[in-house]
Each structure stands twice: as C-alpha cells, then as structure tokens.
C-alpha cells in the first residue's frame, strides 16, 4: 500500500511598501505563477497603494487564465480608498471586482487599524511575498508576524534585508 502525500493548503499573502513602482513586475508575475504551480489557490491582498495593488493586479491577471483562484481582499475599513488618485482607484476597483472574499478590519479608521489588517493577511498565510527594503514599517511588522507564524517568506526587493533587525 502506498501512502499519498497529504496535500497542504498554500495561502499566499502580499506585503510591501507603497513606494513600489513596478520595479519587480516580471519577478512578481513569475513568483505568483510559480506558487500557483506549487498548489497555491488562495491569495490575500491588503489593497494599499504600491506593492499591494501591483500584487492584486498580478493575481487578477492569473485569474484570467486559471479559474480556480480565491482572491481575498483584506481592507482596513470601507472608506480606505477614498483618497486614492484616479489611477490607483481604478486599479483598486478592478481588483475588488474580481475578489472572491472581501474582509474589513473595522468599520472606520482608528489607530492600529493597519496592524489589524496586516494581522488578517498573515493569520492563514503559509507564504508571504514581500517588497521590503529593511526599513521599520508596516511591512516589517507583517514580516515579523509571518516569521513567528512559520510562513515561507520571499522578498523581491533587490537587496533583501530579511535578516536585518529580525
């Protein structure tokens, strides 16, 4: 009798800086495609400007070819995107229109809301794809939390800083 391996559920979350300007677009696309090939079907996006929206766009592109993807949008609060510029808002709305799951950290803004949203991203994740430059930030917070949870972390930043301060 042969024993089949127990399938592991791969859940991917993204975290990164708002200053991300598509510097790693191809690497992000390749990473998401590779994780899909490894069995990832659930992708969680925090929906902030920069790396989050770029990651969401990448997952939506993959959804055009693969129909069995769960796209989860973890949003700090319902009015979160009200101050996005028109290009960011169009991207945000497009990603949201493809979402399978939409969760809000709270009904309104309050101190600590972004950490609460970051906790939502990490709570079920097995893999984190990051754009982290090593600075003290919400991205650092999320990576620290993910490490404590035993997540696999891939930092796409050209000079990975994952060993600094952790």
C-alpha atoms as a PDB file:
ATOM      1  CA  UNK A   1       0.000   0.000   0.000  1.00  0.00           C
ATOM      2  CA  UNK A   2       1.412   3.373  -0.975  1.00  0.00           C
ATOM      3  CA  UNK A   3       0.670   6.413   1.065  1.00  0.00           C
ATOM      4  CA  UNK A   4      -0.397   9.534  -0.793  1.00  0.00           C
ATOM      5  CA  UNK A   5       1.146  12.740   0.489  1.00  0.00           C
ATOM      6  CA  UNK A   6      -1.234  14.896   2.461  1.00  0.00           C
ATOM      7  CA  UNK A   7      -1.943  17.990   0.387  1.00  0.00           C
ATOM      8  CA  UNK A   8      -1.020  21.191   2.129  1.00  0.00           C
ATOM      9  CA  UNK A   9      -3.094  24.242   1.571  1.00  0.00           C
ATOM     10  CA  UNK A  10      -0.923  27.060   0.302  1.00  0.00           C
ATOM     11  CA  UNK A  11      -2.214  30.525   1.138  1.00  0.00           C
ATOM     12  CA  UNK A  12      -0.177  33.440  -0.189  1.00  0.00           C
ATOM     13  CA  UNK A  13      -0.293  36.955   1.263  1.00  0.00           C
ATOM     14  CA  UNK A  14       1.486  40.031  -0.027  1.00  0.00           C
ATOM     15  CA  UNK A  15       3.119  42.861   1.887  1.00  0.00           C
ATOM     16  CA  UNK A  16       5.209  45.743   0.673  1.00  0.00           C
ATOM     17  CA  UNK A  17       5.858  49.431   0.511  1.00  0.00           C
ATOM     18  CA  UNK A  18       3.550  51.997  -1.005  1.00  0.00           C
ATOM     19  CA  UNK A  19       6.569  53.456  -2.803  1.00  0.00           C
ATOM     20  CA  UNK A  20       6.811  50.336  -5.017  1.00  0.00           C
ATOM     21  CA  UNK A  21       6.771  51.445  -8.673  1.00  0.00           C
ATOM     22  CA  UNK A  22       6.650  48.101 -10.530  1.00  0.00           C
ATOM     23  CA  UNK A  23      10.421  47.585 -10.295  1.00  0.00           C
ATOM     24  CA  UNK A  24       9.947  43.822  -9.987  1.00  0.00           C
ATOM     25  CA  UNK A  25       6.898  43.350 -12.208  1.00  0.00           C
ATOM     26  CA  UNK A  26       8.213  40.280 -14.043  1.00  0.00           C
ATOM     27  CA  UNK A  27       9.638  38.742 -10.881  1.00  0.00           C
ATOM     28  CA  UNK A  28       6.298  39.253  -9.115  1.00  0.00           C
ATOM     29  CA  UNK A  29       4.425  37.667 -12.023  1.00  0.00           C
ATOM     30  CA  UNK A  30       6.856  34.714 -12.097  1.00  0.00           C
ATOM     31  CA  UNK A  31       6.626  34.250  -8.325  1.00  0.00           C
ATOM     32  CA  UNK A  32       2.825  34.202  -8.335  1.00  0.00           C
ATOM     33  CA  UNK A  33       2.768  31.782 -11.286  1.00  0.00           C
ATOM     34  CA  UNK A  34       5.312  29.532  -9.570  1.00  0.00           C
ATOM     35  CA  UNK A  35       3.310  29.490  -6.330  1.00  0.00           C
ATOM     36  CA  UNK A  36       0.211  28.609  -8.343  1.00  0.00           C
ATOM     37  CA  UNK A  37       2.105  25.694  -9.922  1.00  0.00           C
ATOM     38  CA  UNK A  38       3.101  24.570  -6.410  1.00  0.00           C
ATOM     39  CA  UNK A  39      -0.581  24.464  -5.454  1.00  0.00           C
ATOM     40  CA  UNK A  40      -1.433  27.956  -4.220  1.00  0.00           C
ATOM     41  CA  UNK A  41      -5.044  28.820  -4.955  1.00  0.00           C
ATOM     42  CA  UNK A  42      -5.744  31.394  -2.226  1.00  0.00           C
ATOM     43  CA  UNK A  43      -4.137  34.842  -2.475  1.00  0.00           C
ATOM     44  CA  UNK A  44      -4.602  37.645   0.086  1.00  0.00           C
ATOM     45  CA  UNK A  45      -4.034  41.295  -0.807  1.00  0.00           C
ATOM     46  CA  UNK A  46      -4.009  44.261   1.599  1.00  0.00           C
ATOM     47  CA  UNK A  47      -5.182  46.744  -1.097  1.00  0.00           C
ATOM     48  CA  UNK A  48      -2.833  49.650  -0.257  1.00  0.00           C
ATOM     49  CA  UNK A  49      -1.129  51.680  -2.956  1.00  0.00           C
ATOM     50  CA  UNK A  50       2.151  50.381  -4.338  1.00  0.00           C
ATOM     51  CA  UNK A  51       3.074  46.736  -3.877  1.00  0.00           C
ATOM     52  CA  UNK A  52      -0.353  45.621  -2.638  1.00  0.00           C
ATOM     53  CA  UNK A  53      -2.188  46.895  -5.710  1.00  0.00           C
ATOM     54  CA  UNK A  54       0.532  45.564  -8.023  1.00  0.00           C
ATOM     55  CA  UNK A  55       0.190  42.150  -6.371  1.00  0.00           C
ATOM     56  CA  UNK A  56      -3.579  42.271  -6.703  1.00  0.00           C
ATOM     57  CA  UNK A  57      -3.273  43.126 -10.400  1.00  0.00           C
ATOM     58  CA  UNK A  58      -0.918  40.193 -10.865  1.00  0.00           C
ATOM     59  CA  UNK A  59      -3.375  37.785  -9.230  1.00  0.00           C
ATOM     60  CA  UNK A  60      -6.223  39.156 -11.383  1.00  0.00           C
ATOM     61  CA  UNK A  61      -4.093  38.540 -14.495  1.00  0.00           C
ATOM     62  CA  UNK A  62      -3.559  34.944 -13.364  1.00  0.00           C
ATOM     63  CA  UNK A  63      -7.300  34.593 -12.745  1.00  0.00           C
ATOM     64  CA  UNK A  64      -7.900  35.323 -16.418  1.00  0.00           C
ATOM     65  CA  UNK A  65      -6.152  32.020 -17.246  1.00  0.00           C
ATOM     66  CA  UNK A  66      -6.921  29.998 -14.129  1.00  0.00           C
ATOM     67  CA  UNK A  67     -10.470  29.956 -12.840  1.00  0.00           C
ATOM     68  CA  UNK A  68      -9.934  28.168  -9.530  1.00  0.00           C
ATOM     69  CA  UNK A  69      -8.312  31.043  -7.626  1.00  0.00           C
ATOM     70  CA  UNK A  70      -9.597  32.649  -4.452  1.00  0.00           C
ATOM     71  CA  UNK A  71      -8.684  36.334  -4.276  1.00  0.00           C
ATOM     72  CA  UNK A  72      -9.156  37.698  -0.775  1.00  0.00           C
ATOM     73  CA  UNK A  73      -9.036  41.461  -0.251  1.00  0.00           C
ATOM     74  CA  UNK A  74      -8.187  42.433   3.328  1.00  0.00           C
ATOM     75  CA  UNK A  75      -9.100  46.109   3.596  1.00  0.00           C
ATOM     76  CA  UNK A  76      -8.542  48.287   6.658  1.00  0.00           C
ATOM     77  CA  UNK A  77     -12.007  49.961   6.535  1.00  0.00           C
ATOM     78  CA  UNK A  78     -14.694  50.612   3.894  1.00  0.00           C
ATOM     79  CA  UNK A  79     -13.659  54.200   3.032  1.00  0.00           C
ATOM     80  CA  UNK A  80      -9.962  53.249   2.803  1.00  0.00           C
ATOM     81  CA  UNK A  81      -9.551  54.150  -0.896  1.00  0.00           C
ATOM     82  CA  UNK A  82     -11.347  57.492  -0.769  1.00  0.00           C
ATOM     83  CA  UNK A  83      -8.117  59.485  -1.173  1.00  0.00           C
ATOM     84  CA  UNK A  84      -6.503  57.331  -3.870  1.00  0.00           C
ATOM     85  CA  UNK A  85      -5.763  59.139  -7.109  1.00  0.00           C
ATOM     86  CA  UNK A  86      -7.882  58.170 -10.119  1.00  0.00           C
ATOM     87  CA  UNK A  87      -5.387  55.616 -11.482  1.00  0.00           C
ATOM     88  CA  UNK A  88      -4.966  53.917  -8.101  1.00  0.00           C
ATOM     89  CA  UNK A  89      -8.718  53.941  -7.549  1.00  0.00           C
ATOM     90  CA  UNK A  90      -9.385  52.328 -10.938  1.00  0.00           C
ATOM     91  CA  UNK A  91      -6.866  49.595 -10.093  1.00  0.00           C
ATOM     92  CA  UNK A  92      -8.361  49.142  -6.614  1.00  0.00           C
ATOM     93  CA  UNK A  93     -11.894  48.883  -8.038  1.00  0.00           C
ATOM     94  CA  UNK A  94     -10.801  46.382 -10.688  1.00  0.00           C
ATOM     95  CA  UNK A  95      -9.155  44.129  -8.125  1.00  0.00           C
ATOM     96  CA  UNK A  96     -12.175  44.410  -5.844  1.00  0.00           C
ATOM     97  CA  UNK A  97     -14.492  43.436  -8.719  1.00  0.00           C
ATOM     98  CA  UNK A  98     -12.564  40.153  -9.051  1.00  0.00           C
ATOM     99  CA  UNK A  99     -12.450  39.404  -5.326  1.00  0.00           C
ATOM    100  CA  UNK A 100     -13.879  36.165  -4.046  1.00  0.00           C
ATOM    101  CA  UNK A 101     -13.692  37.337  -0.420  1.00  0.00           C
ATOM    102  CA  UNK A 102     -13.691  40.897   0.936  1.00  0.00           C
ATOM    103  CA  UNK A 103     -12.935  41.456   4.618  1.00  0.00           C
ATOM    104  CA  UNK A 104     -12.624  44.719   6.533  1.00  0.00           C
ATOM    105  CA  UNK A 105     -10.518  45.102   9.659  1.00  0.00           C
ATOM    106  CA  UNK A 106     -13.009  47.637  11.064  1.00  0.00           C
ATOM    107  CA  UNK A 107     -15.921  49.835  10.081  1.00  0.00           C
ATOM    108  CA  UNK A 108     -13.933  53.078  10.480  1.00  0.00           C
ATOM    109  CA  UNK A 109     -10.367  54.285  10.697  1.00  0.00           C
ATOM    110  CA  UNK A 110      -8.722  54.110  14.130  1.00  0.00           C
ATOM    111  CA  UNK A 111      -5.199  53.938  15.486  1.00  0.00           C
ATOM    112  CA  UNK A 112      -3.810  50.468  14.926  1.00  0.00           C
ATOM    113  CA  UNK A 113      -6.125  49.660  12.026  1.00  0.00           C
ATOM    114  CA  UNK A 114      -3.269  48.913   9.635  1.00  0.00           C
ATOM    115  CA  UNK A 115      -1.677  46.408  12.006  1.00  0.00           C
ATOM    116  CA  UNK A 116      -5.072  44.773  12.390  1.00  0.00           C
ATOM    117  CA  UNK A 117      -5.329  44.476   8.598  1.00  0.00           C
ATOM    118  CA  UNK A 118      -1.769  43.115   8.458  1.00  0.00           C
ATOM    119  CA  UNK A 119      -2.714  40.520  11.058  1.00  0.00           C
ATOM    120  CA  UNK A 120      -5.621  39.482   8.831  1.00  0.00           C
ATOM    121  CA  UNK A 121      -3.208  38.978   5.945  1.00  0.00           C
ATOM    122  CA  UNK A 122      -0.916  36.739   7.961  1.00  0.00           C
ATOM    123  CA  UNK A 123      -3.425  34.772  10.043  1.00  0.00           C
ATOM    124  CA  UNK A 124      -3.943  31.979   7.481  1.00  0.00           C
ATOM    125  CA  UNK A 125      -0.944  32.542   5.225  1.00  0.00           C
ATOM    126  CA  UNK A 126       1.653  29.894   4.570  1.00  0.00           C
ATOM    127  CA  UNK A 127       3.678  32.070   2.179  1.00  0.00           C
ATOM    128  CA  UNK A 128       4.463  35.783   2.110  1.00  0.00           C
ATOM    129  CA  UNK A 129       5.640  37.629  -0.978  1.00  0.00           C
ATOM    130  CA  UNK A 130       7.188  40.932   0.060  1.00  0.00           C
ATOM    131  CA  UNK A 131       8.723  44.131  -1.229  1.00  0.00           C
ATOM    132  CA  UNK A 132      10.665  45.178   1.872  1.00  0.00           C
ATOM    133  CA  UNK A 133      13.688  47.477   1.892  1.00  0.00           C
ATOM    134  CA  UNK A 134      14.635  46.748   5.506  1.00  0.00           C
ATOM    135  CA  UNK A 135      13.018  49.860   6.974  1.00  0.00           C
ATOM    136  CA  UNK A 136      10.895  49.948  10.111  1.00  0.00           C
ATOM    137  CA  UNK A 137       7.389  49.941   8.710  1.00  0.00           C
ATOM    138  CA  UNK A 138       4.106  48.100   8.456  1.00  0.00           C
ATOM    139  CA  UNK A 139       5.821  45.769   6.012  1.00  0.00           C
ATOM    140  CA  UNK A 140       8.427  44.941   8.659  1.00  0.00           C
ATOM    141  CA  UNK A 141       5.644  44.345  11.200  1.00  0.00           C
ATOM    142  CA  UNK A 142       3.913  41.952   8.803  1.00  0.00           C
ATOM    143  CA  UNK A 143       7.106  40.045   8.036  1.00  0.00           C
ATOM    144  CA  UNK A 144       7.923  39.706  11.753  1.00  0.00           C
ATOM    145  CA  UNK A 145       4.460  38.338  12.414  1.00  0.00           C
ATOM    146  CA  UNK A 146       4.669  35.989   9.436  1.00  0.00           C
ATOM    147  CA  UNK A 147       8.004  34.675  10.657  1.00  0.00           C
ATOM    148  CA  UNK A 148       6.506  33.940  14.083  1.00  0.00           C
ATOM    149  CA  UNK A 149       3.742  32.012  12.310  1.00  0.00           C
ATOM    150  CA  UNK A 150       6.267  29.938  10.344  1.00  0.00           C
ATOM    151  CA  UNK A 151       5.459  31.376   6.911  1.00  0.00           C
ATOM    152  CA  UNK A 152       7.769  30.974   3.956  1.00  0.00           C
ATOM    153  CA  UNK A 153       8.897  34.490   3.009  1.00  0.00           C
ATOM    154  CA  UNK A 154      10.137  35.644  -0.371  1.00  0.00           C
ATOM    155  CA  UNK A 155      11.392  39.216  -0.536  1.00  0.00           C
ATOM    156  CA  UNK A 156      11.528  40.583  -4.083  1.00  0.00           C
ATOM    157  CA  UNK A 157      13.407  43.728  -3.086  1.00  0.00           C
ATOM    158  CA  UNK A 158      16.750  43.756  -4.968  1.00  0.00           C
ATOM    159  CA  UNK A 159      18.813  43.891  -1.782  1.00  0.00           C
ATOM    160  CA  UNK A 160      16.865  41.585   0.546  1.00  0.00           C
ATOM    161  CA  UNK A 161      17.001  42.735   4.139  1.00  0.00           C
ATOM    162  CA  UNK A 162      15.142  39.893   5.822  1.00  0.00           C
ATOM    163  CA  UNK A 163      17.987  39.160   8.208  1.00  0.00           C
ATOM    164  CA  UNK A 164      18.282  42.745   9.431  1.00  0.00           C
ATOM    165  CA  UNK A 165      16.606  43.507  12.775  1.00  0.00           C
ATOM    166  CA  UNK A 166      14.663  40.276  12.848  1.00  0.00           C
END
